[in-house]
Protein backbone atom coordinates (compact mmCIF):
# COMPACT_ATOMS: atom_id res chain seq x y z
CA UNK A 1 80.39 -21.34 158.47
CA UNK A 2 84.17 -21.75 158.49
CA UNK A 3 85.83 -19.61 161.19
CA UNK A 4 88.15 -18.22 158.51
CA UNK A 5 85.28 -16.98 156.32
CA UNK A 6 85.99 -13.33 155.56
CA UNK A 7 83.50 -12.41 152.82
CA UNK A 8 80.00 -13.39 151.75
CA UNK A 9 79.05 -12.66 148.14
CA UNK A 10 75.82 -10.62 148.08
CA UNK A 11 76.04 -10.03 144.32
CA UNK A 12 78.90 -11.28 142.11
CA UNK A 13 78.65 -8.57 139.45
CA UNK A 14 80.15 -9.84 136.21
CA UNK A 15 82.45 -12.87 136.40
CA UNK A 16 83.81 -12.68 139.95
CA UNK A 17 86.37 -15.40 140.72
CA UNK A 18 89.24 -16.34 143.03
CA UNK A 19 92.49 -16.40 141.07
CA UNK A 20 96.04 -17.46 141.84
CA UNK A 21 99.04 -16.59 139.66
CA UNK A 22 98.84 -19.55 137.33
CA UNK A 23 100.38 -23.00 137.10
CA UNK A 24 103.38 -22.98 134.79
CA UNK A 25 105.18 -26.09 133.56
CA UNK A 26 102.10 -28.35 133.27
CA UNK A 27 100.84 -27.51 129.78
CA UNK A 28 102.65 -30.59 128.42
CA UNK A 29 100.10 -32.64 130.40
CA UNK A 30 97.14 -30.69 129.00
CA UNK A 31 96.66 -28.40 132.01
CA UNK A 32 95.77 -24.77 131.35
CA UNK A 33 97.96 -22.07 132.86
CA UNK A 34 95.15 -20.06 134.47
CA UNK A 35 95.78 -17.28 136.97
CA UNK A 36 95.20 -13.54 137.03
CA UNK A 37 95.10 -11.79 133.65
CA UNK A 38 96.64 -8.48 134.78
CA UNK A 39 99.50 -9.85 136.86
CA UNK A 40 100.86 -6.38 137.61
CA UNK A 41 97.64 -4.99 139.13
CA UNK A 42 97.11 -8.20 141.11
CA UNK A 43 100.63 -8.23 142.56
CA UNK A 44 100.36 -4.55 143.44
CA UNK A 45 97.17 -5.32 145.40
CA UNK A 46 99.11 -7.89 147.42
CA UNK A 47 102.13 -5.70 147.94
CA UNK A 48 100.08 -2.81 149.29
CA UNK A 49 98.81 -5.17 152.02
CA UNK A 50 102.24 -6.74 152.64
CA UNK A 51 100.87 -10.08 151.41
CA UNK A 52 102.99 -12.73 149.68
CA UNK A 53 103.33 -11.61 146.04
CA UNK A 54 101.45 -14.70 144.82
CA UNK A 55 98.59 -14.64 147.36
CA UNK A 56 95.21 -15.36 145.74
CA UNK A 57 92.94 -12.40 144.96
CA UNK A 58 89.43 -11.72 143.69
CA UNK A 59 89.21 -10.86 139.99
CA UNK A 60 86.18 -8.92 138.70
CA UNK A 61 85.28 -8.06 135.08
CA UNK A 62 83.52 -4.84 133.95
CA UNK A 63 80.82 -4.79 136.68
CA UNK A 64 81.90 -4.93 140.31
CA UNK A 65 80.46 -7.16 143.05
CA UNK A 66 78.68 -6.45 146.33
CA UNK A 67 80.47 -8.12 149.23
CA UNK A 68 79.67 -8.45 152.95
CA UNK A 69 82.66 -8.74 155.28
CA UNK A 70 82.07 -11.37 157.95
CA UNK A 71 85.11 -10.36 160.02
CA UNK A 72 87.63 -7.55 160.37
CA UNK A 73 90.48 -7.48 157.87
CA UNK A 74 92.43 -5.16 155.59
CA UNK A 75 91.52 -4.64 151.93
CA UNK A 76 92.98 -3.10 148.79
CA UNK A 77 91.56 -2.71 145.26
CA UNK A 78 93.66 -2.24 142.12
CA UNK A 79 93.07 -2.28 138.37
CA UNK A 80 89.77 -1.02 136.97
CA UNK A 81 87.92 1.83 138.67
CA UNK A 82 84.37 0.55 139.23
CA UNK A 83 83.12 3.43 141.43
CA UNK A 84 83.87 1.46 144.58
CA UNK A 85 82.00 2.23 147.80
CA UNK A 86 82.50 1.02 151.36
CA UNK A 87 79.26 1.31 153.34
CA UNK A 88 77.99 3.62 150.56
CA UNK A 89 80.98 5.95 150.94
CA UNK A 90 83.23 6.34 147.84
CA UNK A 91 86.70 4.84 148.16
CA UNK A 92 89.77 4.84 145.91
CA UNK A 93 91.85 2.20 144.18
CA UNK A 94 95.45 1.60 145.26
CA UNK A 95 94.78 2.41 148.92
CA UNK A 96 94.70 0.18 152.00
CA UNK A 97 91.47 0.13 154.02
CA UNK A 98 90.75 -1.20 157.51
CA UNK A 99 87.60 -3.30 157.32
CA UNK A 100 85.21 -4.00 160.21
CA UNK A 101 82.81 -6.91 160.57
CA UNK A 102 79.56 -6.04 158.80
CA UNK A 103 81.12 -3.62 156.30
CA UNK A 104 79.77 -3.81 152.74
CA UNK A 105 81.81 -3.21 149.59
CA UNK A 106 79.83 -2.31 146.48
CA UNK A 107 80.62 -1.16 142.94
CA UNK A 108 79.17 -0.26 139.56
CA UNK A 109 80.26 -0.48 135.92
CA UNK A 110 83.93 0.15 135.25
CA UNK A 111 84.94 3.74 134.46
CA UNK A 112 88.59 3.05 133.68
CA UNK A 113 89.97 -0.34 132.63
CA UNK A 114 88.09 -3.65 132.53
CA UNK A 115 89.41 -5.89 135.31
CA UNK A 116 89.72 -5.12 139.03
CA UNK A 117 91.52 -7.02 141.79
CA UNK A 118 90.50 -7.16 145.44
CA UNK A 119 93.04 -8.37 147.98
CA UNK A 120 92.55 -9.02 151.69
CA UNK A 121 95.16 -9.42 154.44
CA UNK A 122 97.03 -12.76 154.06
CA UNK A 123 95.23 -13.55 150.79
CA UNK A 124 92.40 -15.93 149.92
CA UNK A 125 92.33 -19.70 150.20
CA UNK A 126 92.65 -21.54 146.89
CA UNK A 127 91.17 -23.47 145.21
CA UNK A 128 87.60 -22.31 145.62
CA UNK A 129 84.69 -22.38 143.18
CA UNK A 130 85.53 -21.04 139.72
CA UNK A 131 82.98 -18.31 139.07
CA UNK A 132 81.49 -17.08 142.34
CA UNK A 133 77.75 -16.64 142.78
CA UNK A 134 75.40 -15.03 145.29
CA UNK A 135 75.76 -16.63 148.74
CA UNK A 136 79.26 -18.02 148.20
CA UNK A 137 81.70 -17.65 151.08
CA UNK A 138 85.30 -16.52 150.62
CA UNK A 139 87.82 -17.92 153.07
CA UNK A 140 91.14 -16.32 153.97
CA UNK A 141 94.44 -18.12 153.50
CA UNK A 142 96.71 -19.08 156.39
CA UNK A 143 98.94 -16.28 157.62
CA UNK A 144 102.12 -18.14 156.61
CA UNK A 145 104.24 -15.58 154.81
CA UNK A 146 106.82 -16.38 152.16
CA UNK A 147 109.92 -14.48 151.16
CA UNK A 148 109.08 -13.75 147.54
CA UNK A 149 110.68 -11.16 145.30
CA UNK A 150 108.00 -8.55 144.66
CA UNK A 151 107.75 -6.12 141.72
CA UNK A 152 107.75 -2.36 142.06
CA UNK A 153 104.36 -1.01 143.13
CA UNK A 154 102.37 0.71 140.39
CA UNK A 155 101.42 4.05 141.92
CA UNK A 156 98.14 5.86 141.31
CA UNK A 157 95.14 4.88 139.24
CA UNK A 158 95.27 2.51 136.30
CA UNK A 159 96.25 4.37 133.13
CA UNK A 160 94.61 3.31 129.88
CA UNK A 161 97.24 2.44 127.26
CA UNK A 162 95.87 1.61 123.81
CA UNK A 163 99.28 1.07 122.19
CA UNK A 164 99.83 -2.69 122.34
CA UNK A 165 103.24 -4.12 121.42
CA UNK A 166 103.33 -7.45 119.59
CA UNK A 167 106.06 -9.94 118.75
CA UNK A 168 105.96 -11.78 115.41
CA UNK A 169 104.48 -15.25 115.74
CA UNK A 170 105.68 -18.45 114.02
CA UNK A 171 103.13 -18.02 111.20
CA UNK A 172 103.49 -14.24 110.76
CA UNK A 173 104.60 -14.74 107.14
CA UNK A 174 101.29 -16.45 106.25
CA UNK A 175 99.53 -13.09 106.67
CA UNK A 176 101.18 -11.69 103.58
CA UNK A 177 102.69 -8.23 103.31
CA UNK A 178 99.39 -6.31 103.01
CA UNK A 179 97.86 -7.91 106.13
CA UNK A 180 101.07 -7.36 108.06
CA UNK A 181 100.78 -3.66 107.25
CA UNK A 182 97.08 -3.65 108.22
CA UNK A 183 97.79 -5.18 111.63
CA UNK A 184 100.42 -2.54 112.38
CA UNK A 185 98.47 0.46 111.04
CA UNK A 186 94.78 -0.27 111.51
CA UNK A 187 92.84 0.57 114.72
CA UNK A 188 91.02 -2.40 116.26
CA UNK A 189 88.29 -2.89 118.84
CA UNK A 190 87.33 -5.85 121.01
CA UNK A 191 84.22 -7.89 120.40
CA UNK A 192 81.67 -8.28 123.20
CA UNK A 193 82.38 -12.03 122.92
CA UNK A 194 85.19 -12.54 125.41
CA UNK A 195 86.06 -14.79 128.32
CA UNK A 196 89.05 -15.81 130.39
CA UNK A 197 89.91 -18.15 127.50
CA UNK A 198 90.15 -15.59 124.70
CA UNK A 199 89.28 -12.17 123.34
CA UNK A 200 87.87 -11.76 119.84
CA UNK A 201 88.59 -8.69 117.72
CA UNK A 202 85.76 -7.15 115.68
CA UNK A 203 87.69 -6.08 112.60
CA UNK A 204 88.60 -8.93 110.24
CA UNK A 205 91.49 -9.26 107.80
CA UNK A 206 91.29 -10.50 104.18
CA UNK A 207 92.47 -14.09 103.85
CA UNK A 208 95.57 -14.91 101.85
CA UNK A 209 95.95 -18.15 99.91
CA UNK A 210 98.30 -19.47 102.60
CA UNK A 211 95.76 -18.78 105.39
CA UNK A 212 93.07 -20.75 103.52
CA UNK A 213 95.08 -23.97 103.62
CA UNK A 214 94.52 -26.66 106.25
CA UNK A 215 96.52 -25.92 109.39
CA UNK A 216 97.41 -28.63 111.90
CA UNK A 217 97.02 -28.19 115.65
CA UNK A 218 100.08 -26.69 117.32
CA UNK A 219 100.99 -25.68 120.90
CA UNK A 220 99.54 -22.37 122.09
CA UNK A 221 99.68 -20.38 125.33
CA UNK A 222 98.34 -17.10 126.81
CA UNK A 223 99.19 -14.06 124.69
CA UNK A 224 99.16 -15.86 121.32
CA UNK A 225 97.21 -14.06 118.58
CA UNK A 226 95.54 -16.47 116.13
CA UNK A 227 93.73 -15.78 112.86
CA UNK A 228 90.72 -17.90 111.92
CA UNK A 229 89.60 -19.04 108.46
CA UNK A 230 87.16 -16.10 108.52
CA UNK A 231 89.99 -13.59 109.01
CA UNK A 232 89.07 -13.01 112.66
CA UNK A 233 91.86 -12.28 115.15
CA UNK A 234 91.71 -14.04 118.52
CA UNK A 235 93.91 -13.13 121.49
CA UNK A 236 94.32 -16.11 123.82
CA UNK A 237 94.06 -15.40 127.55
CA UNK A 238 94.99 -17.21 130.77
CA UNK A 239 92.44 -20.04 130.57
CA UNK A 240 93.16 -20.88 126.92
CA UNK A 241 93.57 -24.42 125.60
CA UNK A 242 97.04 -25.93 125.19
CA UNK A 243 96.79 -26.59 121.43
CA UNK A 244 95.07 -24.75 118.59
CA UNK A 245 94.38 -25.23 114.90
CA UNK A 246 94.77 -21.63 113.72
CA UNK A 247 97.97 -19.86 112.60
CA UNK A 248 99.83 -18.07 115.42
CA UNK A 249 100.54 -14.74 113.74
CA UNK A 250 101.73 -12.75 116.77
CA UNK A 251 102.29 -12.84 120.51
CA UNK A 252 101.73 -10.52 123.50
CA UNK A 253 104.06 -10.76 126.49
CA UNK A 254 102.60 -10.56 130.02
CA UNK A 255 102.82 -6.79 130.19
CA UNK A 256 101.06 -6.23 126.88
CA UNK A 257 98.45 -8.91 127.55
CA UNK A 258 97.63 -7.06 130.79
CA UNK A 259 97.45 -3.72 128.92
CA UNK A 260 95.27 -5.27 126.21
CA UNK A 261 92.90 -6.85 128.75
CA UNK A 262 92.31 -3.48 130.43
CA UNK A 263 91.31 -1.69 127.18
CA UNK A 264 87.51 -1.15 127.20
CA UNK A 265 85.40 -2.54 124.36
CA UNK A 266 84.42 1.03 123.45
CA UNK A 267 88.04 2.12 122.92
CA UNK A 268 90.11 1.55 119.77
CA UNK A 269 93.64 0.21 120.16
CA UNK A 270 96.58 -0.32 117.83
CA UNK A 271 99.27 -3.00 117.48
CA UNK A 272 102.91 -2.02 117.14
CA UNK A 273 105.81 -4.33 116.49
CA UNK A 274 108.38 -4.16 119.27
CA UNK A 275 111.37 -4.46 116.97
CA UNK A 276 110.43 -1.92 114.26
């Protein structure tokens, strides 16, 4: 075992992974951006521990992990409330905890939000395995600190916001006037089919003549909303491809992508145009 091993995964929950803050500037070469989906919750987790703003964190979806700490450290959890417990005692998000060797962190199904972030003192070494599994070891980063401009800390628990602001995409006009109105007035819900690549939306839109035509592949990036030939809306996330063959009807900036990602599948949300 590496002397810098901090955590052993006893149970990964649902889709536990080590995430950095993405690799920008390489999409021209076919490299995905990657990185944390809710950048604000992840950076807050680092700031509360006085870590570098871009230190790697653990990202957990919908069902939290069970983790054994192999050495003393400090820990903070932000984002989704998954009924976290430390040695079977309930603990809160957005607080710093002193961790002793042998302590066990456990969780359940998310109560608020969808994605949680776990930070430890000095951050986590990257890269490590993509999706973590039972028995995997998590190694801390070196204690080299960087002078990085950090955002304002988000205080208190994550607040669910179902009002998602969109920006018109390059192919917005292909929707036609009636579909444009539907997008901005209709409540939507997420499909259970989601990943770090994309979220699918349950409710479909009627296809216009323009949307039925052949559409060539074009550049895409996280936050783009596409519409398929079946009228299905897809919101691209951090591990999305670099090109796509569906019209790009709208776009979510980082803040609204983070808000969207934290909306539970059981909750309806609405799109609103920023410039209306």
